[in-house]
Amino acid sequence: MTSDRIRPVALVVFRHQNRILVFEGYDSIKKQIFYRPLGGGIEFGEHSSITIQREIKEELGAEICNLVYLGSLESIYTYNGRPGHELVQVYQADFVEPHFYQQPSFDAMEDDGCPMKVLWKELDFFKAGYAALYPTGLLELLQ
């Protein structure tokens, strides 16, 4: 985030066995790999549940079902040396097509056209502190 405004965001958690679907990011200033569920910015006049459906269609070309609201988080952070502030609506959903659960990882596209690595990660990986799961507070929300 590069502006001094609060950004409304919707993220979705997909679960399979004891894993969640996340994308892998990298902060070049902190030299840190991190993980975050898929989703994106809520557009003006768009309900956050619609944001989830739109973002997953754009990023993965997938249809989702069983969308359930889990809660809200406030995220104040620094990414690549720049401060950011988000209000995050968190959902859980399922894929309509089961093949998404069978692949350990796959490629997706960010809104800006950049490729991103999407993979299933064990929840225990984050509980043990091996890597950061953002936004802060998400792991506790999922337990």
Protein backbone atom coordinates (compact mmCIF):
# COMPACT_ATOMS: atom_id res chain seq x y z
CA MET A 1 0.00 0.00 0.00
CA THR A 2 1.48 3.36 -0.99
CA SER A 3 -1.10 5.88 0.20
CA ASP A 4 -2.03 7.24 3.61
CA ARG A 5 -5.57 5.88 3.60
CA ILE A 6 -7.21 2.84 5.15
CA ARG A 7 -7.84 0.17 2.54
CA PRO A 8 -10.88 -2.15 2.81
CA VAL A 9 -9.93 -5.71 1.89
CA ALA A 10 -11.68 -9.08 1.70
CA LEU A 11 -9.72 -12.34 2.06
CA VAL A 12 -10.90 -15.93 1.78
CA VAL A 13 -9.59 -19.01 3.54
CA PHE A 14 -9.89 -22.35 1.78
CA ARG A 15 -9.30 -25.35 4.04
CA HIS A 16 -8.46 -28.91 3.12
CA GLN A 17 -7.53 -31.39 5.82
CA ASN A 18 -5.21 -29.36 8.07
CA ARG A 19 -4.05 -27.04 5.27
CA ILE A 20 -5.05 -23.60 4.05
CA LEU A 21 -4.55 -22.05 0.62
CA VAL A 22 -2.21 -19.06 0.63
CA PHE A 23 0.01 -17.11 -1.70
CA GLU A 24 3.69 -16.69 -0.98
CA GLY A 25 5.00 -13.15 -0.77
CA TYR A 26 8.39 -11.61 -0.08
CA ASP A 27 9.31 -8.38 1.68
CA SER A 28 12.66 -7.33 0.20
CA ILE A 29 13.42 -4.84 2.98
CA LYS A 30 12.76 -7.29 5.84
CA LYS A 31 14.16 -10.19 3.77
CA GLN A 32 11.07 -12.15 4.84
CA ILE A 33 8.91 -14.73 3.10
CA PHE A 34 5.30 -14.49 4.25
CA TYR A 35 1.95 -16.03 3.41
CA ARG A 36 -1.52 -14.57 3.02
CA PRO A 37 -4.90 -15.90 1.85
CA LEU A 38 -6.23 -14.83 -1.51
CA GLY A 39 -8.51 -11.86 -1.98
CA GLY A 40 -8.18 -8.17 -2.64
CA GLY A 41 -9.50 -4.66 -2.36
CA ILE A 42 -13.19 -4.03 -1.95
CA GLU A 43 -14.41 -1.69 -4.68
CA PHE A 44 -16.77 1.18 -3.89
CA GLY A 45 -20.36 -0.08 -3.79
CA GLU A 46 -19.27 -3.74 -3.76
CA HIS A 47 -20.15 -6.05 -0.86
CA SER A 48 -17.11 -7.87 0.49
CA SER A 49 -18.65 -11.27 -0.34
CA ILE A 50 -18.83 -10.22 -3.99
CA THR A 51 -15.20 -9.07 -3.79
CA ILE A 52 -14.21 -12.61 -2.79
CA GLN A 53 -16.07 -14.20 -5.69
CA ARG A 54 -14.63 -11.68 -8.18
CA GLU A 55 -11.05 -11.96 -6.91
CA ILE A 56 -10.99 -15.77 -6.95
CA LYS A 57 -12.43 -15.78 -10.46
CA GLU A 58 -9.79 -13.26 -11.60
CA GLU A 59 -6.83 -14.85 -9.78
CA LEU A 60 -7.57 -18.56 -10.21
CA GLY A 61 -10.39 -18.76 -12.74
CA ALA A 62 -12.37 -20.65 -10.10
CA GLU A 63 -15.94 -20.69 -8.88
CA ILE A 64 -16.55 -20.92 -5.13
CA CYS A 65 -19.43 -21.99 -2.87
CA ASN A 66 -20.33 -22.19 0.83
CA LEU A 67 -19.03 -18.68 1.54
CA VAL A 68 -19.12 -17.98 5.29
CA TYR A 69 -18.08 -14.78 7.07
CA LEU A 70 -15.52 -15.46 9.83
CA GLY A 71 -14.77 -11.99 11.16
CA SER A 72 -12.86 -8.77 10.72
CA LEU A 73 -9.25 -7.85 11.41
CA GLU A 74 -7.44 -4.53 11.45
CA SER A 75 -3.99 -4.71 9.93
CA ILE A 76 -1.40 -1.98 10.43
CA TYR A 77 1.87 -3.05 8.84
CA THR A 78 4.98 -2.14 6.90
CA TYR A 79 5.63 -3.84 3.55
CA ASN A 80 8.80 -3.16 1.54
CA GLY A 81 9.46 -0.18 3.78
CA ARG A 82 6.05 1.44 3.26
CA PRO A 83 3.34 1.69 5.91
CA GLY A 84 -0.09 0.23 5.25
CA HIS A 85 -3.42 0.05 7.04
CA GLU A 86 -6.23 -2.35 6.10
CA LEU A 87 -9.62 -3.32 7.45
CA VAL A 88 -9.91 -6.97 6.48
CA GLN A 89 -13.15 -8.93 6.07
CA VAL A 90 -12.28 -12.63 6.40
CA TYR A 91 -14.34 -15.40 4.82
CA GLN A 92 -14.10 -19.14 4.42
CA ALA A 93 -15.25 -20.91 1.25
CA ASP A 94 -15.01 -24.08 -0.80
CA PHE A 95 -14.06 -24.61 -4.42
CA VAL A 96 -16.77 -25.91 -6.72
CA GLU A 97 -14.19 -27.93 -8.68
CA PRO A 98 -12.40 -30.56 -6.53
CA HIS A 99 -9.18 -30.48 -8.58
CA PHE A 100 -8.08 -27.35 -6.66
CA TYR A 101 -7.73 -29.53 -3.55
CA GLN A 102 -5.60 -32.12 -5.34
CA GLN A 103 -2.81 -29.84 -6.55
CA PRO A 104 -0.10 -28.98 -3.99
CA SER A 105 0.51 -25.62 -5.69
CA PHE A 106 -0.44 -23.68 -8.78
CA ASP A 107 0.17 -20.38 -10.52
CA ALA A 108 -2.22 -17.47 -10.28
CA MET A 109 -2.32 -13.84 -11.41
CA GLU A 110 -2.47 -10.76 -9.25
CA ASP A 111 -4.72 -7.86 -10.22
CA ASP A 112 -1.74 -6.04 -11.74
CA GLY A 113 -0.95 -9.03 -13.99
CA CYS A 114 2.00 -10.26 -11.93
CA PRO A 115 2.21 -14.01 -11.38
CA MET A 116 1.96 -15.34 -7.85
CA LYS A 117 2.70 -18.71 -6.30
CA VAL A 118 -0.33 -20.24 -4.57
CA LEU A 119 0.07 -23.28 -2.37
CA TRP A 120 -1.47 -25.35 0.38
CA LYS A 121 0.33 -24.93 3.72
CA GLU A 122 -0.22 -26.86 6.93
CA LEU A 123 -1.74 -24.77 9.72
CA ASP A 124 0.86 -26.32 12.03
CA PHE A 125 3.56 -24.65 9.90
CA PHE A 126 2.25 -21.25 11.03
CA LYS A 127 1.42 -22.36 14.59
CA ALA A 128 5.05 -23.45 15.01
CA GLY A 129 6.26 -20.02 13.84
CA TYR A 130 8.13 -21.22 10.73
CA ALA A 131 6.70 -18.35 8.68
CA ALA A 132 4.45 -15.34 9.05
CA LEU A 133 0.77 -15.61 8.15
CA TYR A 134 -0.80 -12.24 7.45
CA PRO A 135 -2.82 -10.35 8.37
CA THR A 136 -1.78 -10.50 12.01
CA GLY A 137 -4.50 -12.19 14.03
CA LEU A 138 -5.64 -14.49 11.23
CA LEU A 139 -4.19 -17.64 12.78
CA GLU A 140 -6.05 -16.95 16.02
CA LEU A 141 -9.26 -16.28 14.10
CA LEU A 142 -8.95 -19.67 12.38
CA GLN A 143 -8.51 -21.63 15.63
